[in-house]
Every structure is written in C-alpha cells, then in structure tokens.
Amino acid sequence: MKKISIMIPCYNEVENVCPISAAVIEVMERDLPSYDYEILFIDNCSNDGTRDKLRKLCRENKKIRAIFNAANFGQFNSPFYGMCQTTGDCTVLLCCDFQDPVEMIPKFVEEWEKGHRIVSAVKTSSRENGFIYFLRTVYYKLIRSMSKIEFIEHFTGFGLYDKSFINLMRQLNDSSPFLRGIVAEYGHGFNRIEIPYTQEARRAGKTKNNFYSLYDAAMLSITSYTKVGLRIATLIGFLSSGISLLIALIYLVMKLIWWERFSAGNAPVMLGVYVIGSLQLFFIGLLGEYILNINTRTINRPIVVEEERLNFEESEK
C-alpha cells in the first residue's frame, strides 16, 4: 500500500490545527481509502497554545506526527525541513490556515499516478487583499525576467512531491533553502505539472505575512537565483562615475572662464553629490543583501533545531 505524507507547517495556528487535521483525514478516508497516510505538523515555536492542541492530536491518532522547533526558523526553513522528515511515497505540502484547499489532494494524487513526480498548484485568483495580490504578480514577473530559471508565477509551494524529489532536497545541503526556486530549477527533470486553483481566505487567526516577510522572500529569491542586481550596480556605477567626471570637468572649465559667475555658487557640485550619493547608498544596500545571503550559507547553521518529536519511532530521531 502506497503511503501519502501530508506536511503542514504552522505558527500560532491554535484555531486551525484541529480542523485542518480533521479535514485531511476526511479527504484521505473518503477519497483515497486505498492509500496509507501520515500527517506531519512542524511547529515553528508557537506561543498561543498550538503545541497543546498538537499534543492532544498526537495522543489520539498515531498517524499524526509533530516536530516542535526550538526557535522560529522562518517561513522557508521550517517547511523545507519538515518535508525532508516525511516517510511517504509522496509528500503534500499544505498550509494550516485553509488557504490551500484540502480537496485538491486527490487531484494531486491522480496526476502523481500518471507519472508526474511534482504537481504544483498555481493560484489563478485569490481571496487575499487585491493590492497584495497585485504586488505578488509584479514580483513574479520581475524575478522571471531577471533569472535564467523559469520561476512559477503565483506558486507558494502548495502541491505534491514524489519521494525522489524529497531525496534530492535532502541532498542539497542548503542552509537557506528556497523551495519555489528549487522546484523551478529542478522541476523539469521530475515531469512537473501545474494545476490551477483559487486561494481561499484564511479560516481563522491572523496572517503572518507582512512587509518584512514579503521583502525577505523577494530578496532571498533575487540574491539566490539572479546576478542582474550586481550587474546593474556595476553598469550604473560606471555610468554615474563617467557622468560625475564629465560634470566636474565642465564645471571646472566654466569656472575658469567665468570665475565671478561661478565663484559664489556650487549647485552643480551639490547636485552631483546628492545624486551619486543616493545611488551609492542604494547599491551598497543591494550588495549587502547578496553578502548577507553568502554569509548565511558560509556559516552553514542547521536548517532547523528540533526541541521535540511526537509519534516518531526511536530509530527515526
């Protein structure tokens, strides 16, 4: 009997962990009765009672497992690590807040049985804030144009992954894994297919996404999968240096010829300082993002540090 793993990352989802587990169990028993399954929650150091709910679920059902992180390791590391701990023939990554429809799981499995080892769910519309959805659209188009890798628009990671791809993830040894980029980079070799869906509104609780988390996602993808930022910095640096030198020479000549007119004013110099200075600050910040990414990988800290596991065998720890 084939086994399906459903991996659900969570952080402060006390209102959702019980309903989502019940919904997954209902779908598995009703629509996929010929498959074995496990549900793995990975908790990113919740402090709202989520862990108490997970302990109760694990006591009542041995097919439900949980990993408790020792700290909050971010929105990318925790799901990636959780997927690597699954034991099924395939793994379904599912959000805890019901924005990813549980009813899609049978469709994923159907495509998987046809030979598609990655089934990516792609949002065609969303119940989230329209402005945020627009910003995401702009971001995806921007990153696709900047990278040699064909990034998948409106793909959040929701989908099914064959164990062969999970094994690849385990071998990557990346301390800052970005699942969407990894799928885009290697997906063609796993006969990837896309399935459209409408992202639902969050069932309960507050979204964990904010400007910082969205910025973090954008910078991680740009610094990990593009060189264009560095190339633009170099080209504009050369261009601005040339323009600055030209302005300086022109101003020097004009000052020598018309000394009285230019001796009292230094507006062109100040303008040049402000323009060039602002460009320097912008690109120093961009270079800093690349250096930060390199530094994170060089330090090579573990993706996640576990505090506790529930319903795992001793040999699996």
C-alpha atoms as a PDB file:
ATOM      1  CA  MET A   1       0.000   0.000   0.000  1.00  0.00           C
ATOM      2  CA  LYS A   2       1.420   3.372  -1.009  1.00  0.00           C
ATOM      3  CA  LYS A   3       1.789   5.984   1.679  1.00  0.00           C
ATOM      4  CA  ILE A   4       0.980   9.686   1.332  1.00  0.00           C
ATOM      5  CA  SER A   5       2.554  12.201   3.697  1.00  0.00           C
ATOM      6  CA  ILE A   6       0.757  15.477   4.331  1.00  0.00           C
ATOM      7  CA  MET A   7       3.183  18.036   5.744  1.00  0.00           C
ATOM      8  CA  ILE A   8       1.617  21.059   7.443  1.00  0.00           C
ATOM      9  CA  PRO A   9       3.835  23.874   8.768  1.00  0.00           C
ATOM     10  CA  CYS A  10       2.285  26.012  11.476  1.00  0.00           C
ATOM     11  CA  TYR A  11       2.997  29.001  13.664  1.00  0.00           C
ATOM     12  CA  ASN A  12       0.392  30.289  16.136  1.00  0.00           C
ATOM     13  CA  GLU A  13      -2.452  28.344  14.490  1.00  0.00           C
ATOM     14  CA  VAL A  14      -4.288  27.244  17.623  1.00  0.00           C
ATOM     15  CA  GLU A  15      -7.670  27.719  15.913  1.00  0.00           C
ATOM     16  CA  ASN A  16      -6.729  25.784  12.787  1.00  0.00           C
ATOM     17  CA  VAL A  17      -4.630  22.721  13.638  1.00  0.00           C
ATOM     18  CA  CYS A  18      -7.547  20.552  14.780  1.00  0.00           C
ATOM     19  CA  PRO A  19      -9.908  21.487  11.894  1.00  0.00           C
ATOM     20  CA  ILE A  20      -7.192  21.045   9.251  1.00  0.00           C
ATOM     21  CA  SER A  21      -6.218  17.616  10.564  1.00  0.00           C
ATOM     22  CA  ALA A  22      -9.886  16.561  10.597  1.00  0.00           C
ATOM     23  CA  ALA A  23     -10.351  17.844   7.041  1.00  0.00           C
ATOM     24  CA  VAL A  24      -7.287  15.967   5.781  1.00  0.00           C
ATOM     25  CA  ILE A  25      -8.360  12.729   7.476  1.00  0.00           C
ATOM     26  CA  GLU A  26     -11.849  13.039   5.965  1.00  0.00           C
ATOM     27  CA  VAL A  27     -10.443  13.510   2.454  1.00  0.00           C
ATOM     28  CA  MET A  28      -7.989  10.633   2.825  1.00  0.00           C
ATOM     29  CA  GLU A  29     -10.565   8.176   4.165  1.00  0.00           C
ATOM     30  CA  ARG A  30     -13.328   9.214   1.782  1.00  0.00           C
ATOM     31  CA  ASP A  31     -11.474   9.815  -1.490  1.00  0.00           C
ATOM     32  CA  LEU A  32      -8.220   7.851  -1.091  1.00  0.00           C
ATOM     33  CA  PRO A  33      -9.087   4.801   1.026  1.00  0.00           C
ATOM     34  CA  SER A  34      -6.566   2.568  -0.753  1.00  0.00           C
ATOM     35  CA  TYR A  35      -3.621   4.677   0.470  1.00  0.00           C
ATOM     36  CA  ASP A  36      -1.924   4.772   3.831  1.00  0.00           C
ATOM     37  CA  TYR A  37      -1.128   8.243   5.141  1.00  0.00           C
ATOM     38  CA  GLU A  38       0.615  10.297   7.791  1.00  0.00           C
ATOM     39  CA  ILE A  39       0.056  13.910   8.812  1.00  0.00           C
ATOM     40  CA  LEU A  40       3.176  15.742   9.949  1.00  0.00           C
ATOM     41  CA  PHE A  41       2.924  19.130  11.644  1.00  0.00           C
ATOM     42  CA  ILE A  42       6.088  21.163  12.093  1.00  0.00           C
ATOM     43  CA  ASP A  43       5.573  23.924  14.619  1.00  0.00           C
ATOM     44  CA  ASN A  44       7.779  26.998  14.312  1.00  0.00           C
ATOM     45  CA  CYS A  45       7.862  27.808  18.053  1.00  0.00           C
ATOM     46  CA  SER A  46       4.221  28.816  18.549  1.00  0.00           C
ATOM     47  CA  ASN A  47       3.267  30.563  21.772  1.00  0.00           C
ATOM     48  CA  ASP A  48      -0.540  30.589  21.562  1.00  0.00           C
ATOM     49  CA  GLY A  49      -1.426  27.045  22.643  1.00  0.00           C
ATOM     50  CA  THR A  50      -0.889  25.402  19.257  1.00  0.00           C
ATOM     51  CA  ARG A  51       1.505  22.868  20.769  1.00  0.00           C
ATOM     52  CA  ASP A  52      -1.062  21.771  23.361  1.00  0.00           C
ATOM     53  CA  LYS A  53      -3.508  21.074  20.533  1.00  0.00           C
ATOM     54  CA  LEU A  54      -0.866  19.125  18.625  1.00  0.00           C
ATOM     55  CA  ARG A  55      -0.007  17.008  21.653  1.00  0.00           C
ATOM     56  CA  LYS A  56      -3.667  16.105  22.026  1.00  0.00           C
ATOM     57  CA  LEU A  57      -3.961  15.212  18.328  1.00  0.00           C
ATOM     58  CA  CYS A  58      -0.859  13.024  18.509  1.00  0.00           C
ATOM     59  CA  ARG A  59      -2.148  11.183  21.575  1.00  0.00           C
ATOM     60  CA  GLU A  60      -5.456  10.437  19.861  1.00  0.00           C
ATOM     61  CA  ASN A  61      -4.110   9.418  16.454  1.00  0.00           C
ATOM     62  CA  LYS A  62      -0.730   7.760  15.877  1.00  0.00           C
ATOM     63  CA  LYS A  63      -0.849   8.730  12.200  1.00  0.00           C
ATOM     64  CA  ILE A  64      -0.462  12.349  13.256  1.00  0.00           C
ATOM     65  CA  ARG A  65       3.109  13.358  13.990  1.00  0.00           C
ATOM     66  CA  ALA A  66       4.637  16.610  15.174  1.00  0.00           C
ATOM     67  CA  ILE A  67       8.019  18.287  15.288  1.00  0.00           C
ATOM     68  CA  PHE A  68       8.494  21.221  17.640  1.00  0.00           C
ATOM     69  CA  ASN A  69      11.231  23.652  16.613  1.00  0.00           C
ATOM     70  CA  ALA A  70      13.489  25.092  19.312  1.00  0.00           C
ATOM     71  CA  ALA A  71      13.045  28.581  17.816  1.00  0.00           C
ATOM     72  CA  ASN A  72      11.312  30.285  14.926  1.00  0.00           C
ATOM     73  CA  PHE A  73      13.437  29.429  11.890  1.00  0.00           C
ATOM     74  CA  GLY A  74      11.430  31.404   9.360  1.00  0.00           C
ATOM     75  CA  GLN A  75       8.856  30.773   6.697  1.00  0.00           C
ATOM     76  CA  PHE A  76      11.194  28.872   4.358  1.00  0.00           C
ATOM     77  CA  ASN A  77      13.454  26.719   6.528  1.00  0.00           C
ATOM     78  CA  SER A  78      10.731  25.124   8.632  1.00  0.00           C
ATOM     79  CA  PRO A  79       8.545  23.754   5.771  1.00  0.00           C
ATOM     80  CA  PHE A  80      11.612  22.581   3.854  1.00  0.00           C
ATOM     81  CA  TYR A  81      12.937  20.717   6.871  1.00  0.00           C
ATOM     82  CA  GLY A  82       9.526  19.220   7.613  1.00  0.00           C
ATOM     83  CA  MET A  83       9.225  17.863   4.083  1.00  0.00           C
ATOM     84  CA  CYS A  84      12.606  16.189   4.466  1.00  0.00           C
ATOM     85  CA  GLN A  85      11.317  14.341   7.570  1.00  0.00           C
ATOM     86  CA  THR A  86       8.334  12.715   5.846  1.00  0.00           C
ATOM     87  CA  THR A  87       8.304   8.974   5.138  1.00  0.00           C
ATOM     88  CA  GLY A  88       5.664   8.615   2.422  1.00  0.00           C
ATOM     89  CA  ASP A  89       5.979   7.661  -1.236  1.00  0.00           C
ATOM     90  CA  CYS A  90       4.956  11.257  -1.893  1.00  0.00           C
ATOM     91  CA  THR A  91       4.536  14.381   0.212  1.00  0.00           C
ATOM     92  CA  VAL A  92       1.815  17.021   0.010  1.00  0.00           C
ATOM     93  CA  LEU A  93       2.744  20.458   1.357  1.00  0.00           C
ATOM     94  CA  LEU A  94      -0.328  22.172   2.785  1.00  0.00           C
ATOM     95  CA  CYS A  95      -0.864  25.424   4.683  1.00  0.00           C
ATOM     96  CA  CYS A  96      -2.544  25.197   8.075  1.00  0.00           C
ATOM     97  CA  ASP A  97      -4.890  28.152   7.556  1.00  0.00           C
ATOM     98  CA  PHE A  98      -7.146  26.524   4.878  1.00  0.00           C
ATOM     99  CA  GLN A  99      -5.968  28.899   2.145  1.00  0.00           C
ATOM    100  CA  ASP A 100      -4.755  25.766   0.343  1.00  0.00           C
ATOM    101  CA  PRO A 101      -7.877  23.678  -0.441  1.00  0.00           C
ATOM    102  CA  VAL A 102      -7.657  20.221   1.125  1.00  0.00           C
ATOM    103  CA  GLU A 103      -9.943  18.932  -1.644  1.00  0.00           C
ATOM    104  CA  MET A 104      -7.036  19.295  -4.092  1.00  0.00           C
ATOM    105  CA  ILE A 105      -5.166  16.330  -2.590  1.00  0.00           C
ATOM    106  CA  PRO A 106      -6.996  13.642  -4.666  1.00  0.00           C
ATOM    107  CA  LYS A 107      -6.269  15.641  -7.843  1.00  0.00           C
ATOM    108  CA  PHE A 108      -2.596  15.763  -6.919  1.00  0.00           C
ATOM    109  CA  VAL A 109      -2.505  12.022  -6.332  1.00  0.00           C
ATOM    110  CA  GLU A 110      -4.279  11.357  -9.640  1.00  0.00           C
ATOM    111  CA  GLU A 111      -1.607  13.310 -11.537  1.00  0.00           C
ATOM    112  CA  TRP A 112       1.127  11.644  -9.494  1.00  0.00           C
ATOM    113  CA  GLU A 113      -0.152   8.204 -10.504  1.00  0.00           C
ATOM    114  CA  LYS A 114       0.065   9.341 -14.134  1.00  0.00           C
ATOM    115  CA  GLY A 115       3.806   9.806 -13.698  1.00  0.00           C
ATOM    116  CA  HIS A 116       4.142  13.451 -12.653  1.00  0.00           C
ATOM    117  CA  ARG A 117       6.607  13.489  -9.787  1.00  0.00           C
ATOM    118  CA  ILE A 118       5.921  17.144  -8.941  1.00  0.00           C
ATOM    119  CA  VAL A 119       2.397  18.548  -9.019  1.00  0.00           C
ATOM    120  CA  SER A 120       2.428  22.332  -8.496  1.00  0.00           C
ATOM    121  CA  ALA A 121      -0.745  24.179  -7.524  1.00  0.00           C
ATOM    122  CA  VAL A 122      -0.761  27.639  -9.105  1.00  0.00           C
ATOM    123  CA  LYS A 123      -3.092  30.418  -7.974  1.00  0.00           C
ATOM    124  CA  THR A 124      -5.307  31.814 -10.726  1.00  0.00           C
ATOM    125  CA  SER A 125      -7.098  34.077  -8.246  1.00  0.00           C
ATOM    126  CA  SER A 126      -7.076  34.750  -4.546  1.00  0.00           C
ATOM    127  CA  ARG A 127      -9.369  35.964  -1.791  1.00  0.00           C
ATOM    128  CA  GLU A 128      -6.458  37.873  -0.234  1.00  0.00           C
ATOM    129  CA  ASN A 129      -6.056  41.637  -0.390  1.00  0.00           C
ATOM    130  CA  GLY A 130      -6.150  42.736  -4.042  1.00  0.00           C
ATOM    131  CA  PHE A 131      -3.193  45.087  -3.685  1.00  0.00           C
ATOM    132  CA  ILE A 132      -1.040  42.350  -2.158  1.00  0.00           C
ATOM    133  CA  TYR A 133      -2.020  40.002  -4.995  1.00  0.00           C
ATOM    134  CA  PHE A 134      -1.026  42.711  -7.497  1.00  0.00           C
ATOM    135  CA  LEU A 135       2.366  43.154  -5.789  1.00  0.00           C
ATOM    136  CA  ARG A 136       2.925  39.399  -5.930  1.00  0.00           C
ATOM    137  CA  THR A 137       2.143  39.432  -9.670  1.00  0.00           C
ATOM    138  CA  VAL A 138       4.656  42.227 -10.254  1.00  0.00           C
ATOM    139  CA  TYR A 139       7.256  40.389  -8.174  1.00  0.00           C
ATOM    140  CA  TYR A 140       6.866  37.111 -10.085  1.00  0.00           C
ATOM    141  CA  LYS A 141       7.121  38.844 -13.455  1.00  0.00           C
ATOM    142  CA  LEU A 142      10.177  40.761 -12.263  1.00  0.00           C
ATOM    143  CA  ILE A 143      12.001  37.703 -10.940  1.00  0.00           C
ATOM    144  CA  ARG A 144      11.163  35.709 -14.089  1.00  0.00           C
ATOM    145  CA  SER A 145      12.692  38.454 -16.236  1.00  0.00           C
ATOM    146  CA  MET A 146      15.796  38.695 -14.034  1.00  0.00           C
ATOM    147  CA  SER A 147      16.593  35.000 -13.630  1.00  0.00           C
ATOM    148  CA  LYS A 148      17.682  32.305 -16.058  1.00  0.00           C
ATOM    149  CA  ILE A 149      15.440  29.952 -14.094  1.00  0.00           C
ATOM    150  CA  GLU A 150      11.782  29.948 -15.124  1.00  0.00           C
ATOM    151  CA  PHE A 151      10.073  30.822 -11.857  1.00  0.00           C
ATOM    152  CA  ILE A 152       6.455  29.695 -11.473  1.00  0.00           C
ATOM    153  CA  GLU A 153       4.061  32.607 -11.100  1.00  0.00           C
ATOM    154  CA  HIS A 154       1.801  32.510  -8.031  1.00  0.00           C
ATOM    155  CA  PHE A 155       3.272  29.250  -6.775  1.00  0.00           C
ATOM    156  CA  THR A 156       3.592  29.137  -2.990  1.00  0.00           C
ATOM    157  CA  GLY A 157       4.849  25.574  -2.595  1.00  0.00           C
ATOM    158  CA  PHE A 158       1.383  24.026  -2.294  1.00  0.00           C
ATOM    159  CA  GLY A 159       1.455  20.757  -4.191  1.00  0.00           C
ATOM    160  CA  LEU A 160       2.681  17.161  -4.257  1.00  0.00           C
ATOM    161  CA  TYR A 161       6.284  15.959  -4.362  1.00  0.00           C
ATOM    162  CA  ASP A 162       7.424  12.426  -5.127  1.00  0.00           C
ATOM    163  CA  LYS A 163       9.869  10.821  -2.695  1.00  0.00           C
ATOM    164  CA  SER A 164      12.564  11.024  -5.391  1.00  0.00           C
ATOM    165  CA  PHE A 165      12.335  14.816  -5.222  1.00  0.00           C
ATOM    166  CA  ILE A 166      12.270  14.711  -1.418  1.00  0.00           C
ATOM    167  CA  ASN A 167      15.512  12.697  -1.574  1.00  0.00           C
ATOM    168  CA  LEU A 168      17.006  15.436  -3.785  1.00  0.00           C
ATOM    169  CA  MET A 169      16.003  18.048  -1.201  1.00  0.00           C
ATOM    170  CA  ARG A 170      17.790  16.054   1.500  1.00  0.00           C
ATOM    171  CA  GLN A 171      20.995  16.073  -0.551  1.00  0.00           C
ATOM    172  CA  LEU A 172      21.110  19.809  -1.277  1.00  0.00           C
ATOM    173  CA  ASN A 173      22.821  20.812   1.987  1.00  0.00           C
ATOM    174  CA  ASP A 174      21.477  24.353   1.677  1.00  0.00           C
ATOM    175  CA  SER A 175      21.233  26.323   4.915  1.00  0.00           C
ATOM    176  CA  SER A 176      18.869  28.856   3.296  1.00  0.00           C
ATOM    177  CA  PRO A 177      16.603  26.724   1.108  1.00  0.00           C
ATOM    178  CA  PHE A 178      14.036  28.447  -1.115  1.00  0.00           C
ATOM    179  CA  LEU A 179      11.572  25.755  -2.188  1.00  0.00           C
ATOM    180  CA  ARG A 180       9.970  27.749  -5.003  1.00  0.00           C
ATOM    181  CA  GLY A 181      13.363  28.320  -6.593  1.00  0.00           C
ATOM    182  CA  ILE A 182      14.399  24.690  -6.125  1.00  0.00           C
ATOM    183  CA  VAL A 183      11.189  23.480  -7.809  1.00  0.00           C
ATOM    184  CA  ALA A 184      11.684  25.948 -10.671  1.00  0.00           C
ATOM    185  CA  GLU A 185      15.311  24.881 -11.105  1.00  0.00           C
ATOM    186  CA  TYR A 186      14.877  21.102 -11.000  1.00  0.00           C
ATOM    187  CA  GLY A 187      11.182  20.607 -11.726  1.00  0.00           C
ATOM    188  CA  HIS A 188      11.539  19.833 -15.426  1.00  0.00           C
ATOM    189  CA  GLY A 189      13.559  16.751 -14.577  1.00  0.00           C
ATOM    190  CA  PHE A 190      10.674  15.437 -12.487  1.00  0.00           C
ATOM    191  CA  ASN A 191       7.932  15.760 -15.119  1.00  0.00           C
ATOM    192  CA  ARG A 192       6.329  18.652 -13.259  1.00  0.00           C
ATOM    193  CA  ILE A 193       2.741  19.646 -13.994  1.00  0.00           C
ATOM    194  CA  GLU A 194       0.732  22.683 -12.906  1.00  0.00           C
ATOM    195  CA  ILE A 195      -2.839  22.618 -11.588  1.00  0.00           C
ATOM    196  CA  PRO A 196      -4.770  25.903 -11.225  1.00  0.00           C
ATOM    197  CA  TYR A 197      -6.731  26.724  -8.098  1.00  0.00           C
ATOM    198  CA  THR A 198      -8.365  29.618  -6.270  1.00  0.00           C
ATOM    199  CA  GLN A 199      -6.731  30.504  -2.985  1.00  0.00           C
ATOM    200  CA  GLU A 200      -9.321  30.741  -0.254  1.00  0.00           C
ATOM    201  CA  ALA A 201      -9.442  33.260   2.566  1.00  0.00           C
ATOM    202  CA  ARG A 202      -7.822  32.351   5.873  1.00  0.00           C
ATOM    203  CA  ARG A 203     -10.252  30.347   8.031  1.00  0.00           C
ATOM    204  CA  ALA A 204      -9.200  31.821  11.380  1.00  0.00           C
ATOM    205  CA  GLY A 205      -6.379  33.732  13.015  1.00  0.00           C
ATOM    206  CA  LYS A 206      -4.186  36.441  11.571  1.00  0.00           C
ATOM    207  CA  THR A 207      -1.867  36.155   8.609  1.00  0.00           C
ATOM    208  CA  LYS A 208       1.838  36.006   9.433  1.00  0.00           C
ATOM    209  CA  ASN A 209       2.733  37.777   6.198  1.00  0.00           C
ATOM    210  CA  ASN A 210       3.831  41.381   6.479  1.00  0.00           C
ATOM    211  CA  PHE A 211       6.113  43.749   4.606  1.00  0.00           C
ATOM    212  CA  TYR A 212       9.230  42.212   6.162  1.00  0.00           C
ATOM    213  CA  SER A 213       8.279  38.619   5.291  1.00  0.00           C
ATOM    214  CA  LEU A 214       7.399  39.586   1.711  1.00  0.00           C
ATOM    215  CA  TYR A 215      10.641  41.559   1.403  1.00  0.00           C
ATOM    216  CA  ASP A 216      12.572  38.605   2.822  1.00  0.00           C
ATOM    217  CA  ALA A 217      11.072  36.286   0.199  1.00  0.00           C
ATOM    218  CA  ALA A 218      11.856  38.714  -2.604  1.00  0.00           C
ATOM    219  CA  MET A 219      15.475  39.255  -1.505  1.00  0.00           C
ATOM    220  CA  LEU A 220      16.104  35.538  -0.972  1.00  0.00           C
ATOM    221  CA  SER A 221      14.954  34.730  -4.496  1.00  0.00           C
ATOM    222  CA  ILE A 222      16.844  37.658  -6.061  1.00  0.00           C
ATOM    223  CA  THR A 223      20.136  37.015  -4.263  1.00  0.00           C
ATOM    224  CA  SER A 224      19.937  33.231  -4.708  1.00  0.00           C
ATOM    225  CA  TYR A 225      18.870  32.989  -8.336  1.00  0.00           C
ATOM    226  CA  THR A 226      19.875  36.200 -10.131  1.00  0.00           C
ATOM    227  CA  LYS A 227      23.041  38.106 -10.984  1.00  0.00           C
ATOM    228  CA  VAL A 228      21.247  41.055 -12.509  1.00  0.00           C
ATOM    229  CA  GLY A 229      21.360  43.147  -9.325  1.00  0.00           C
ATOM    230  CA  LEU A 230      25.146  43.019  -9.248  1.00  0.00           C
ATOM    231  CA  ARG A 231      25.400  43.637 -12.983  1.00  0.00           C
ATOM    232  CA  ILE A 232      23.103  46.676 -12.764  1.00  0.00           C
ATOM    233  CA  ALA A 233      25.136  48.009  -9.833  1.00  0.00           C
ATOM    234  CA  THR A 234      28.342  47.658 -11.859  1.00  0.00           C
ATOM    235  CA  LEU A 235      26.953  49.250 -15.026  1.00  0.00           C
ATOM    236  CA  ILE A 236      25.259  52.160 -13.264  1.00  0.00           C
ATOM    237  CA  GLY A 237      28.395  52.619 -11.164  1.00  0.00           C
ATOM    238  CA  PHE A 238      30.490  53.016 -14.311  1.00  0.00           C
ATOM    239  CA  LEU A 239      27.879  55.281 -15.901  1.00  0.00           C
ATOM    240  CA  SER A 240      27.449  57.525 -12.866  1.00  0.00           C
ATOM    241  CA  SER A 241      31.219  57.774 -12.424  1.00  0.00           C
ATOM    242  CA  GLY A 242      31.597  58.878 -16.038  1.00  0.00           C
ATOM    243  CA  ILE A 243      28.817  61.437 -15.739  1.00  0.00           C
ATOM    244  CA  SER A 244      30.263  62.769 -12.472  1.00  0.00           C
ATOM    245  CA  LEU A 245      33.694  63.154 -14.063  1.00  0.00           C
ATOM    246  CA  LEU A 246      32.189  64.913 -17.077  1.00  0.00           C
ATOM    247  CA  ILE A 247      30.197  67.322 -14.905  1.00  0.00           C
ATOM    248  CA  ALA A 248      33.274  68.063 -12.831  1.00  0.00           C
ATOM    249  CA  LEU A 249      35.372  68.844 -15.927  1.00  0.00           C
ATOM    250  CA  ILE A 250      32.661  71.062 -17.441  1.00  0.00           C
ATOM    251  CA  TYR A 251      32.210  72.911 -14.161  1.00  0.00           C
ATOM    252  CA  LEU A 252      35.976  73.405 -13.832  1.00  0.00           C
ATOM    253  CA  VAL A 253      36.266  74.835 -17.349  1.00  0.00           C
ATOM    254  CA  MET A 254      33.264  77.127 -16.881  1.00  0.00           C
ATOM    255  CA  LYS A 255      34.577  78.315 -13.538  1.00  0.00           C
ATOM    256  CA  LEU A 256      37.967  79.144 -15.032  1.00  0.00           C
ATOM    257  CA  ILE A 257      36.345  81.111 -17.878  1.00  0.00           C
ATOM    258  CA  TRP A 258      33.568  82.784 -15.897  1.00  0.00           C
ATOM    259  CA  TRP A 259      35.140  82.950 -12.438  1.00  0.00           C
ATOM    260  CA  GLU A 260      32.914  85.632 -10.966  1.00  0.00           C
ATOM    261  CA  ARG A 261      29.673  83.957 -12.029  1.00  0.00           C
ATOM    262  CA  PHE A 262      30.580  80.549 -10.598  1.00  0.00           C
ATOM    263  CA  SER A 263      32.683  81.531  -7.610  1.00  0.00           C
ATOM    264  CA  ALA A 264      29.649  82.155  -5.409  1.00  0.00           C
ATOM    265  CA  GLY A 265      27.653  79.063  -6.259  1.00  0.00           C
ATOM    266  CA  ASN A 266      28.269  75.329  -6.072  1.00  0.00           C
ATOM    267  CA  ALA A 267      24.830  73.979  -7.055  1.00  0.00           C
ATOM    268  CA  PRO A 268      26.148  71.527  -9.692  1.00  0.00           C
ATOM    269  CA  VAL A 269      28.596  70.062  -7.185  1.00  0.00           C
ATOM    270  CA  MET A 270      25.907  69.643  -4.519  1.00  0.00           C
ATOM    271  CA  LEU A 271      23.520  68.127  -7.051  1.00  0.00           C
ATOM    272  CA  GLY A 272      26.181  65.651  -8.119  1.00  0.00           C
ATOM    273  CA  VAL A 273      26.935  64.714  -4.524  1.00  0.00           C
ATOM    274  CA  TYR A 274      23.268  64.058  -3.728  1.00  0.00           C
ATOM    275  CA  VAL A 275      22.563  62.039  -6.874  1.00  0.00           C
ATOM    276  CA  ILE A 276      25.714  59.948  -6.784  1.00  0.00           C
ATOM    277  CA  GLY A 277      25.480  59.528  -3.003  1.00  0.00           C
ATOM    278  CA  SER A 278      21.923  58.223  -3.201  1.00  0.00           C
ATOM    279  CA  LEU A 279      22.907  55.762  -5.942  1.00  0.00           C
ATOM    280  CA  GLN A 280      25.834  54.561  -3.858  1.00  0.00           C
ATOM    281  CA  LEU A 281      23.664  54.007  -0.792  1.00  0.00           C
ATOM    282  CA  PHE A 282      21.085  52.079  -2.823  1.00  0.00           C
ATOM    283  CA  PHE A 283      23.597  49.736  -4.392  1.00  0.00           C
ATOM    284  CA  ILE A 284      25.594  49.306  -1.193  1.00  0.00           C
ATOM    285  CA  GLY A 285      22.345  48.078   0.350  1.00  0.00           C
ATOM    286  CA  LEU A 286      21.758  45.721  -2.578  1.00  0.00           C
ATOM    287  CA  LEU A 287      25.305  44.388  -2.349  1.00  0.00           C
ATOM    288  CA  GLY A 288      24.722  43.941   1.373  1.00  0.00           C
ATOM    289  CA  GLU A 289      21.780  41.642   0.623  1.00  0.00           C
ATOM    290  CA  TYR A 290      23.999  39.451  -1.558  1.00  0.00           C
ATOM    291  CA  ILE A 291      26.715  39.413   1.113  1.00  0.00           C
ATOM    292  CA  LEU A 292      24.147  38.526   3.780  1.00  0.00           C
ATOM    293  CA  ASN A 293      22.985  35.586   1.655  1.00  0.00           C
ATOM    294  CA  ILE A 294      26.590  34.425   1.185  1.00  0.00           C
ATOM    295  CA  ASN A 295      27.297  34.863   4.893  1.00  0.00           C
ATOM    296  CA  THR A 296      24.256  32.772   5.872  1.00  0.00           C
ATOM    297  CA  ARG A 297      25.375  29.928   3.654  1.00  0.00           C
ATOM    298  CA  THR A 298      29.015  30.168   4.748  1.00  0.00           C
ATOM    299  CA  ILE A 299      28.125  29.928   8.429  1.00  0.00           C
ATOM    300  CA  ASN A 300      26.179  26.774   7.500  1.00  0.00           C
ATOM    301  CA  ARG A 301      23.962  26.637  10.548  1.00  0.00           C
ATOM    302  CA  PRO A 302      21.410  23.787  10.658  1.00  0.00           C
ATOM    303  CA  ILE A 303      18.178  24.486   8.804  1.00  0.00           C
ATOM    304  CA  VAL A 304      16.157  23.750  11.945  1.00  0.00           C
ATOM    305  CA  VAL A 305      16.991  22.721  15.502  1.00  0.00           C
ATOM    306  CA  GLU A 306      14.371  20.415  16.974  1.00  0.00           C
ATOM    307  CA  GLU A 307      13.083  20.659  20.516  1.00  0.00           C
ATOM    308  CA  GLU A 308      10.804  17.625  20.480  1.00  0.00           C
ATOM    309  CA  ARG A 309       9.252  14.956  18.249  1.00  0.00           C
ATOM    310  CA  LEU A 310       5.909  13.256  18.760  1.00  0.00           C
ATOM    311  CA  ASN A 311       4.870   9.830  17.378  1.00  0.00           C
ATOM    312  CA  PHE A 312       8.233   9.128  15.774  1.00  0.00           C
ATOM    313  CA  GLU A 313       9.953   5.827  16.322  1.00  0.00           C
ATOM    314  CA  GLU A 314      13.259   5.890  18.185  1.00  0.00           C
ATOM    315  CA  SER A 315      15.116   4.921  15.008  1.00  0.00           C
ATOM    316  CA  GLU A 316      13.678   7.942  13.191  1.00  0.00           C
ATOM    317  CA  LYS A 317      15.016  10.520  15.627  1.00  0.00           C
END
